[in-house]
Amino acid sequence: MSAKIDLTGKVFNRLTVLGDFGDRDNQNKIKWKCQCICGAIKYISGPQLKSGKTKSCGCLQTENRIKHGQWKHPLYNIWKGMVDRCTKENTHNYKDYGGRGITVCDRWLDVNNFIEDMSTRPEGTSIDRIDNNGNYEPSNCKWSTDKEQSNNRRSSRYLEYNGESKTLVDWSRDTGIKQTTIGERLRRGWTIEQALETPVGTKRKCQ
């Protein structure tokens, strides 16, 4: 096994390496915490930096797209907001996205690819991640109404029972009780034990 080469302090195109992120990508390559000249933070593997495949946080692609008029596209501001909240620490909701490890896949750092993948946007919808702990990528994103997004957030709510902490989705799968049923029971004041253990169609026992 070759010795790890420390890239801290090195500059690759628009990116300055701040240090080892302590994580690896899906090819087991070390991810490095980098700061772009625009101030955004991005986590990039060594091979991507050295090869020049990743040159910026995405701002270079943004500039190129603007030059070609993509800023006029109806999906441009949605794309920009997505990238900003995952990469720019001064964005007001960064802590809920980039701050907790949510990233934008490399393909979608190019707005043209994002537009190609998400071009059919129904009226009254916004971009939604199927897994709220997952990243912005084609396999994890869809267009959802506000109600659907709210339901998605509730399904990621964690419930602690019998010393275990699981999402509503997981408890639903384990108990065979629908998420909506568990949620409605809790809203009506049922205890977690009652909500998860009472068979469907059975009235709650008074305490």
C-alpha atoms as a PDB file:
ATOM      1  CA  MET A   1       0.000   0.000   0.000  1.00  0.00           C
ATOM      2  CA  SER A   2       1.444   3.369  -0.994  1.00  0.00           C
ATOM      3  CA  ALA A   3       1.893   6.049   1.653  1.00  0.00           C
ATOM      4  CA  LYS A   4      -0.742   8.717   1.897  1.00  0.00           C
ATOM      5  CA  ILE A   5       0.306  11.980   0.254  1.00  0.00           C
ATOM      6  CA  ASP A   6      -0.783  15.015   2.268  1.00  0.00           C
ATOM      7  CA  LEU A   7      -2.427  17.549  -0.037  1.00  0.00           C
ATOM      8  CA  THR A   8      -3.095  20.135   2.686  1.00  0.00           C
ATOM      9  CA  GLY A   9      -2.227  23.629   1.473  1.00  0.00           C
ATOM     10  CA  LYS A  10      -1.919  22.649  -2.173  1.00  0.00           C
ATOM     11  CA  VAL A  11      -3.875  24.554  -4.816  1.00  0.00           C
ATOM     12  CA  PHE A  12      -5.665  22.849  -7.691  1.00  0.00           C
ATOM     13  CA  ASN A  13      -7.192  25.278 -10.181  1.00  0.00           C
ATOM     14  CA  ARG A  14      -9.719  27.284  -8.063  1.00  0.00           C
ATOM     15  CA  LEU A  15      -9.491  24.988  -5.039  1.00  0.00           C
ATOM     16  CA  THR A  16      -7.203  25.176  -2.002  1.00  0.00           C
ATOM     17  CA  VAL A  17      -6.976  22.010   0.117  1.00  0.00           C
ATOM     18  CA  LEU A  18      -7.702  22.726   3.790  1.00  0.00           C
ATOM     19  CA  GLY A  19      -7.202  19.219   5.123  1.00  0.00           C
ATOM     20  CA  ASP A  20      -8.252  15.578   5.250  1.00  0.00           C
ATOM     21  CA  PHE A  21     -12.041  15.285   5.614  1.00  0.00           C
ATOM     22  CA  GLY A  22     -11.674  11.874   7.294  1.00  0.00           C
ATOM     23  CA  ASP A  23     -14.016  10.188   4.849  1.00  0.00           C
ATOM     24  CA  ARG A  24     -13.726   8.255   1.592  1.00  0.00           C
ATOM     25  CA  ASP A  25     -15.698   8.200  -1.643  1.00  0.00           C
ATOM     26  CA  ASN A  26     -17.367   5.133  -3.188  1.00  0.00           C
ATOM     27  CA  GLN A  27     -13.994   4.120  -4.671  1.00  0.00           C
ATOM     28  CA  ASN A  28     -12.350   4.253  -1.220  1.00  0.00           C
ATOM     29  CA  LYS A  29     -10.399   7.392  -2.124  1.00  0.00           C
ATOM     30  CA  ILE A  30      -9.695   9.967   0.601  1.00  0.00           C
ATOM     31  CA  LYS A  31     -11.906  13.053   0.469  1.00  0.00           C
ATOM     32  CA  TRP A  32     -10.203  16.412   1.030  1.00  0.00           C
ATOM     33  CA  LYS A  33     -11.864  19.525   2.398  1.00  0.00           C
ATOM     34  CA  CYS A  34     -11.285  22.273  -0.149  1.00  0.00           C
ATOM     35  CA  GLN A  35     -12.136  25.954  -0.323  1.00  0.00           C
ATOM     36  CA  CYS A  36     -12.958  27.501  -3.659  1.00  0.00           C
ATOM     37  CA  ILE A  37     -11.859  31.018  -4.558  1.00  0.00           C
ATOM     38  CA  CYS A  38     -15.517  32.048  -4.281  1.00  0.00           C
ATOM     39  CA  GLY A  39     -15.481  30.970  -0.611  1.00  0.00           C
ATOM     40  CA  ALA A  40     -17.529  27.767  -0.975  1.00  0.00           C
ATOM     41  CA  ILE A  41     -16.437  24.525   0.682  1.00  0.00           C
ATOM     42  CA  LYS A  42     -16.386  21.247  -1.238  1.00  0.00           C
ATOM     43  CA  TYR A  43     -15.172  17.745  -0.365  1.00  0.00           C
ATOM     44  CA  ILE A  44     -13.211  16.164  -3.216  1.00  0.00           C
ATOM     45  CA  SER A  45     -11.142  13.024  -3.671  1.00  0.00           C
ATOM     46  CA  GLY A  46      -7.426  13.234  -4.451  1.00  0.00           C
ATOM     47  CA  PRO A  47      -7.682  11.772  -7.957  1.00  0.00           C
ATOM     48  CA  GLN A  48     -10.357  14.307  -8.934  1.00  0.00           C
ATOM     49  CA  LEU A  49      -8.146  17.148  -7.760  1.00  0.00           C
ATOM     50  CA  LYS A  50      -4.946  15.884  -9.350  1.00  0.00           C
ATOM     51  CA  SER A  51      -6.549  15.019 -12.678  1.00  0.00           C
ATOM     52  CA  GLY A  52      -8.263  18.408 -12.924  1.00  0.00           C
ATOM     53  CA  LYS A  53     -11.639  16.716 -13.291  1.00  0.00           C
ATOM     54  CA  THR A  54     -12.959  18.960 -10.522  1.00  0.00           C
ATOM     55  CA  LYS A  55     -11.685  22.519 -10.867  1.00  0.00           C
ATOM     56  CA  SER A  56     -14.051  24.456  -8.595  1.00  0.00           C
ATOM     57  CA  CYS A  57     -17.018  24.126  -6.255  1.00  0.00           C
ATOM     58  CA  GLY A  58     -19.242  24.459  -9.288  1.00  0.00           C
ATOM     59  CA  CYS A  59     -18.914  28.199  -9.776  1.00  0.00           C
ATOM     60  CA  LEU A  60     -16.794  27.727 -12.894  1.00  0.00           C
ATOM     61  CA  GLN A  61     -19.587  25.738 -14.506  1.00  0.00           C
ATOM     62  CA  THR A  62     -22.032  28.408 -13.382  1.00  0.00           C
ATOM     63  CA  GLU A  63     -20.019  31.121 -15.087  1.00  0.00           C
ATOM     64  CA  ASN A  64     -19.783  29.076 -18.259  1.00  0.00           C
ATOM     65  CA  ARG A  65     -23.512  28.412 -18.276  1.00  0.00           C
ATOM     66  CA  ILE A  66     -24.311  32.079 -17.727  1.00  0.00           C
ATOM     67  CA  LYS A  67     -22.158  32.933 -20.713  1.00  0.00           C
ATOM     68  CA  HIS A  68     -24.326  30.616 -22.770  1.00  0.00           C
ATOM     69  CA  GLY A  69     -27.598  32.035 -21.492  1.00  0.00           C
ATOM     70  CA  GLN A  70     -28.669  29.224 -19.157  1.00  0.00           C
ATOM     71  CA  TRP A  71     -29.417  31.712 -16.389  1.00  0.00           C
ATOM     72  CA  LYS A  72     -32.628  32.446 -18.298  1.00  0.00           C
ATOM     73  CA  HIS A  73     -33.844  28.847 -18.025  1.00  0.00           C
ATOM     74  CA  PRO A  74     -36.812  28.280 -15.602  1.00  0.00           C
ATOM     75  CA  LEU A  75     -34.786  25.690 -13.658  1.00  0.00           C
ATOM     76  CA  TYR A  76     -31.657  27.807 -13.291  1.00  0.00           C
ATOM     77  CA  ASN A  77     -32.564  29.445  -9.946  1.00  0.00           C
ATOM     78  CA  ILE A  78     -33.647  26.079  -8.511  1.00  0.00           C
ATOM     79  CA  TRP A  79     -30.308  24.612  -9.543  1.00  0.00           C
ATOM     80  CA  LYS A  80     -28.349  27.557  -8.131  1.00  0.00           C
ATOM     81  CA  GLY A  81     -30.203  27.405  -4.798  1.00  0.00           C
ATOM     82  CA  MET A  82     -29.492  23.681  -4.560  1.00  0.00           C
ATOM     83  CA  VAL A  83     -25.773  24.151  -5.191  1.00  0.00           C
ATOM     84  CA  ASP A  84     -25.474  27.185  -2.882  1.00  0.00           C
ATOM     85  CA  ARG A  85     -27.073  25.537   0.167  1.00  0.00           C
ATOM     86  CA  CYS A  86     -24.756  22.547  -0.212  1.00  0.00           C
ATOM     87  CA  THR A  87     -21.506  24.402  -0.862  1.00  0.00           C
ATOM     88  CA  LYS A  88     -21.581  27.968   0.481  1.00  0.00           C
ATOM     89  CA  GLU A  89     -21.290  28.350   4.241  1.00  0.00           C
ATOM     90  CA  ASN A  90     -22.694  31.895   4.146  1.00  0.00           C
ATOM     91  CA  THR A  91     -25.998  30.637   2.680  1.00  0.00           C
ATOM     92  CA  HIS A  92     -28.717  30.959   5.344  1.00  0.00           C
ATOM     93  CA  ASN A  93     -29.737  27.277   5.268  1.00  0.00           C
ATOM     94  CA  TYR A  94     -26.280  25.775   4.687  1.00  0.00           C
ATOM     95  CA  LYS A  95     -26.313  24.156   8.155  1.00  0.00           C
ATOM     96  CA  ASP A  96     -29.305  22.023   7.122  1.00  0.00           C
ATOM     97  CA  TYR A  97     -27.654  20.851   3.911  1.00  0.00           C
ATOM     98  CA  GLY A  98     -23.923  21.174   3.291  1.00  0.00           C
ATOM     99  CA  GLY A  99     -23.385  21.610   7.019  1.00  0.00           C
ATOM    100  CA  ARG A 100     -24.645  18.084   7.668  1.00  0.00           C
ATOM    101  CA  GLY A 101     -22.939  16.448   4.716  1.00  0.00           C
ATOM    102  CA  ILE A 102     -25.554  16.792   1.959  1.00  0.00           C
ATOM    103  CA  THR A 103     -23.828  17.224  -1.395  1.00  0.00           C
ATOM    104  CA  VAL A 104     -24.665  17.743  -5.057  1.00  0.00           C
ATOM    105  CA  CYS A 105     -23.440  14.939  -7.307  1.00  0.00           C
ATOM    106  CA  ASP A 106     -20.694  15.834  -9.773  1.00  0.00           C
ATOM    107  CA  ARG A 107     -23.034  15.457 -12.751  1.00  0.00           C
ATOM    108  CA  TRP A 108     -25.397  18.091 -11.382  1.00  0.00           C
ATOM    109  CA  LEU A 109     -22.672  20.662 -10.800  1.00  0.00           C
ATOM    110  CA  ASP A 110     -23.225  21.309 -14.505  1.00  0.00           C
ATOM    111  CA  VAL A 111     -26.603  23.029 -14.846  1.00  0.00           C
ATOM    112  CA  ASN A 112     -27.093  21.537 -18.316  1.00  0.00           C
ATOM    113  CA  ASN A 113     -27.098  18.026 -16.854  1.00  0.00           C
ATOM    114  CA  PHE A 114     -29.506  19.079 -14.103  1.00  0.00           C
ATOM    115  CA  ILE A 115     -31.894  20.555 -16.678  1.00  0.00           C
ATOM    116  CA  GLU A 116     -31.632  17.429 -18.821  1.00  0.00           C
ATOM    117  CA  ASP A 117     -32.422  15.107 -15.879  1.00  0.00           C
ATOM    118  CA  MET A 118     -35.153  17.194 -14.224  1.00  0.00           C
ATOM    119  CA  SER A 119     -36.655  18.995 -17.211  1.00  0.00           C
ATOM    120  CA  THR A 120     -40.275  17.930 -16.657  1.00  0.00           C
ATOM    121  CA  ARG A 121     -41.402  19.984 -13.658  1.00  0.00           C
ATOM    122  CA  PRO A 122     -45.138  19.847 -12.837  1.00  0.00           C
ATOM    123  CA  GLU A 123     -46.703  23.168 -11.859  1.00  0.00           C
ATOM    124  CA  GLY A 124     -46.720  23.844  -8.118  1.00  0.00           C
ATOM    125  CA  THR A 125     -43.800  21.569  -7.284  1.00  0.00           C
ATOM    126  CA  SER A 126     -40.245  22.003  -6.035  1.00  0.00           C
ATOM    127  CA  ILE A 127     -37.240  19.704  -5.916  1.00  0.00           C
ATOM    128  CA  ASP A 128     -37.426  17.073  -3.201  1.00  0.00           C
ATOM    129  CA  ARG A 129     -34.969  14.433  -1.991  1.00  0.00           C
ATOM    130  CA  ILE A 130     -36.608  11.028  -1.552  1.00  0.00           C
ATOM    131  CA  ASP A 131     -34.194  10.229   1.284  1.00  0.00           C
ATOM    132  CA  ASN A 132     -33.777  13.390   3.370  1.00  0.00           C
ATOM    133  CA  ASN A 133     -30.369  12.169   4.476  1.00  0.00           C
ATOM    134  CA  GLY A 134     -29.300  11.490   0.901  1.00  0.00           C
ATOM    135  CA  ASN A 135     -27.633  13.745  -1.633  1.00  0.00           C
ATOM    136  CA  TYR A 136     -28.897  15.692  -4.606  1.00  0.00           C
ATOM    137  CA  GLU A 137     -28.571  13.187  -7.454  1.00  0.00           C
ATOM    138  CA  PRO A 138     -30.888  11.806 -10.151  1.00  0.00           C
ATOM    139  CA  SER A 139     -31.755   8.618  -8.234  1.00  0.00           C
ATOM    140  CA  ASN A 140     -32.730  10.528  -5.071  1.00  0.00           C
ATOM    141  CA  CYS A 141     -34.671  13.516  -6.396  1.00  0.00           C
ATOM    142  CA  LYS A 142     -38.160  14.200  -7.696  1.00  0.00           C
ATOM    143  CA  TRP A 143     -40.607  17.080  -8.043  1.00  0.00           C
ATOM    144  CA  SER A 144     -43.033  17.242  -5.092  1.00  0.00           C
ATOM    145  CA  THR A 145     -45.817  19.479  -3.844  1.00  0.00           C
ATOM    146  CA  ASP A 146     -45.472  21.196  -0.447  1.00  0.00           C
ATOM    147  CA  LYS A 147     -47.759  18.558   1.079  1.00  0.00           C
ATOM    148  CA  GLU A 148     -45.674  15.709  -0.308  1.00  0.00           C
ATOM    149  CA  GLN A 149     -42.477  17.310   0.982  1.00  0.00           C
ATOM    150  CA  SER A 150     -44.036  17.741   4.414  1.00  0.00           C
ATOM    151  CA  ASN A 151     -44.993  14.072   4.455  1.00  0.00           C
ATOM    152  CA  ASN A 152     -41.475  13.143   3.422  1.00  0.00           C
ATOM    153  CA  ARG A 153     -39.993  15.143   6.312  1.00  0.00           C
ATOM    154  CA  ARG A 154     -42.387  13.481   8.769  1.00  0.00           C
ATOM    155  CA  SER A 155     -41.403  10.047   7.489  1.00  0.00           C
ATOM    156  CA  SER A 156     -37.802  10.849   8.452  1.00  0.00           C
ATOM    157  CA  ARG A 157     -38.801  11.706  12.008  1.00  0.00           C
ATOM    158  CA  TYR A 158     -36.978   9.544  14.561  1.00  0.00           C
ATOM    159  CA  LEU A 159     -38.912   7.685  17.267  1.00  0.00           C
ATOM    160  CA  GLU A 160     -37.253   6.032  20.243  1.00  0.00           C
ATOM    161  CA  TYR A 161     -38.811   2.828  21.533  1.00  0.00           C
ATOM    162  CA  ASN A 162     -37.384  -0.110  23.516  1.00  0.00           C
ATOM    163  CA  GLY A 163     -33.939   1.479  23.416  1.00  0.00           C
ATOM    164  CA  GLU A 164     -33.907   1.826  19.624  1.00  0.00           C
ATOM    165  CA  SER A 165     -34.110   4.998  17.543  1.00  0.00           C
ATOM    166  CA  LYS A 166     -35.563   4.551  14.055  1.00  0.00           C
ATOM    167  CA  THR A 167     -37.347   6.638  11.460  1.00  0.00           C
ATOM    168  CA  LEU A 168     -41.080   6.402  10.967  1.00  0.00           C
ATOM    169  CA  VAL A 169     -40.346   4.573   7.704  1.00  0.00           C
ATOM    170  CA  ASP A 170     -38.332   1.922   9.537  1.00  0.00           C
ATOM    171  CA  TRP A 171     -40.903   1.463  12.315  1.00  0.00           C
ATOM    172  CA  SER A 172     -43.628   1.132   9.689  1.00  0.00           C
ATOM    173  CA  ARG A 173     -41.683  -1.588   7.919  1.00  0.00           C
ATOM    174  CA  ASP A 174     -40.934  -3.429  11.177  1.00  0.00           C
ATOM    175  CA  THR A 175     -44.492  -3.307  12.545  1.00  0.00           C
ATOM    176  CA  GLY A 176     -46.454  -3.569   9.328  1.00  0.00           C
ATOM    177  CA  ILE A 177     -48.455  -0.474  10.319  1.00  0.00           C
ATOM    178  CA  LYS A 178     -48.671   2.319   7.724  1.00  0.00           C
ATOM    179  CA  GLN A 179     -46.633   5.475   8.334  1.00  0.00           C
ATOM    180  CA  THR A 180     -49.767   7.587   8.100  1.00  0.00           C
ATOM    181  CA  THR A 181     -51.477   5.459  10.738  1.00  0.00           C
ATOM    182  CA  ILE A 182     -48.563   5.744  13.166  1.00  0.00           C
ATOM    183  CA  GLY A 183     -48.338   9.491  12.566  1.00  0.00           C
ATOM    184  CA  GLU A 184     -52.069  10.013  13.083  1.00  0.00           C
ATOM    185  CA  ARG A 185     -52.009   7.989  16.299  1.00  0.00           C
ATOM    186  CA  LEU A 186     -49.194  10.105  17.694  1.00  0.00           C
ATOM    187  CA  ARG A 187     -51.002  13.295  16.649  1.00  0.00           C
ATOM    188  CA  ARG A 188     -54.033  12.118  18.634  1.00  0.00           C
ATOM    189  CA  GLY A 189     -51.962  11.696  21.776  1.00  0.00           C
ATOM    190  CA  TRP A 190     -51.158   8.004  21.656  1.00  0.00           C
ATOM    191  CA  THR A 191     -47.912   6.947  23.309  1.00  0.00           C
ATOM    192  CA  ILE A 192     -45.187   5.559  21.050  1.00  0.00           C
ATOM    193  CA  GLU A 193     -45.815   2.118  22.580  1.00  0.00           C
ATOM    194  CA  GLN A 194     -49.528   2.298  21.740  1.00  0.00           C
ATOM    195  CA  ALA A 195     -48.872   3.648  18.243  1.00  0.00           C
ATOM    196  CA  LEU A 196     -46.436   0.854  17.382  1.00  0.00           C
ATOM    197  CA  GLU A 197     -47.999  -2.089  19.192  1.00  0.00           C
ATOM    198  CA  THR A 198     -51.764  -1.652  18.776  1.00  0.00           C
ATOM    199  CA  PRO A 199     -53.075  -3.708  15.823  1.00  0.00           C
ATOM    200  CA  VAL A 200     -54.883  -1.723  13.162  1.00  0.00           C
ATOM    201  CA  GLY A 201     -58.627  -1.632  13.866  1.00  0.00           C
ATOM    202  CA  THR A 202     -58.128  -1.950  17.622  1.00  0.00           C
ATOM    203  CA  LYS A 203     -59.171   0.919  19.851  1.00  0.00           C
ATOM    204  CA  ARG A 204     -56.566   2.401  22.173  1.00  0.00           C
ATOM    205  CA  LYS A 205     -56.787   1.199  25.726  1.00  0.00           C
ATOM    206  CA  CYS A 206     -57.223   3.954  28.288  1.00  0.00           C
ATOM    207  CA  GLN A 207     -54.323   4.400  30.655  1.00  0.00           C
END
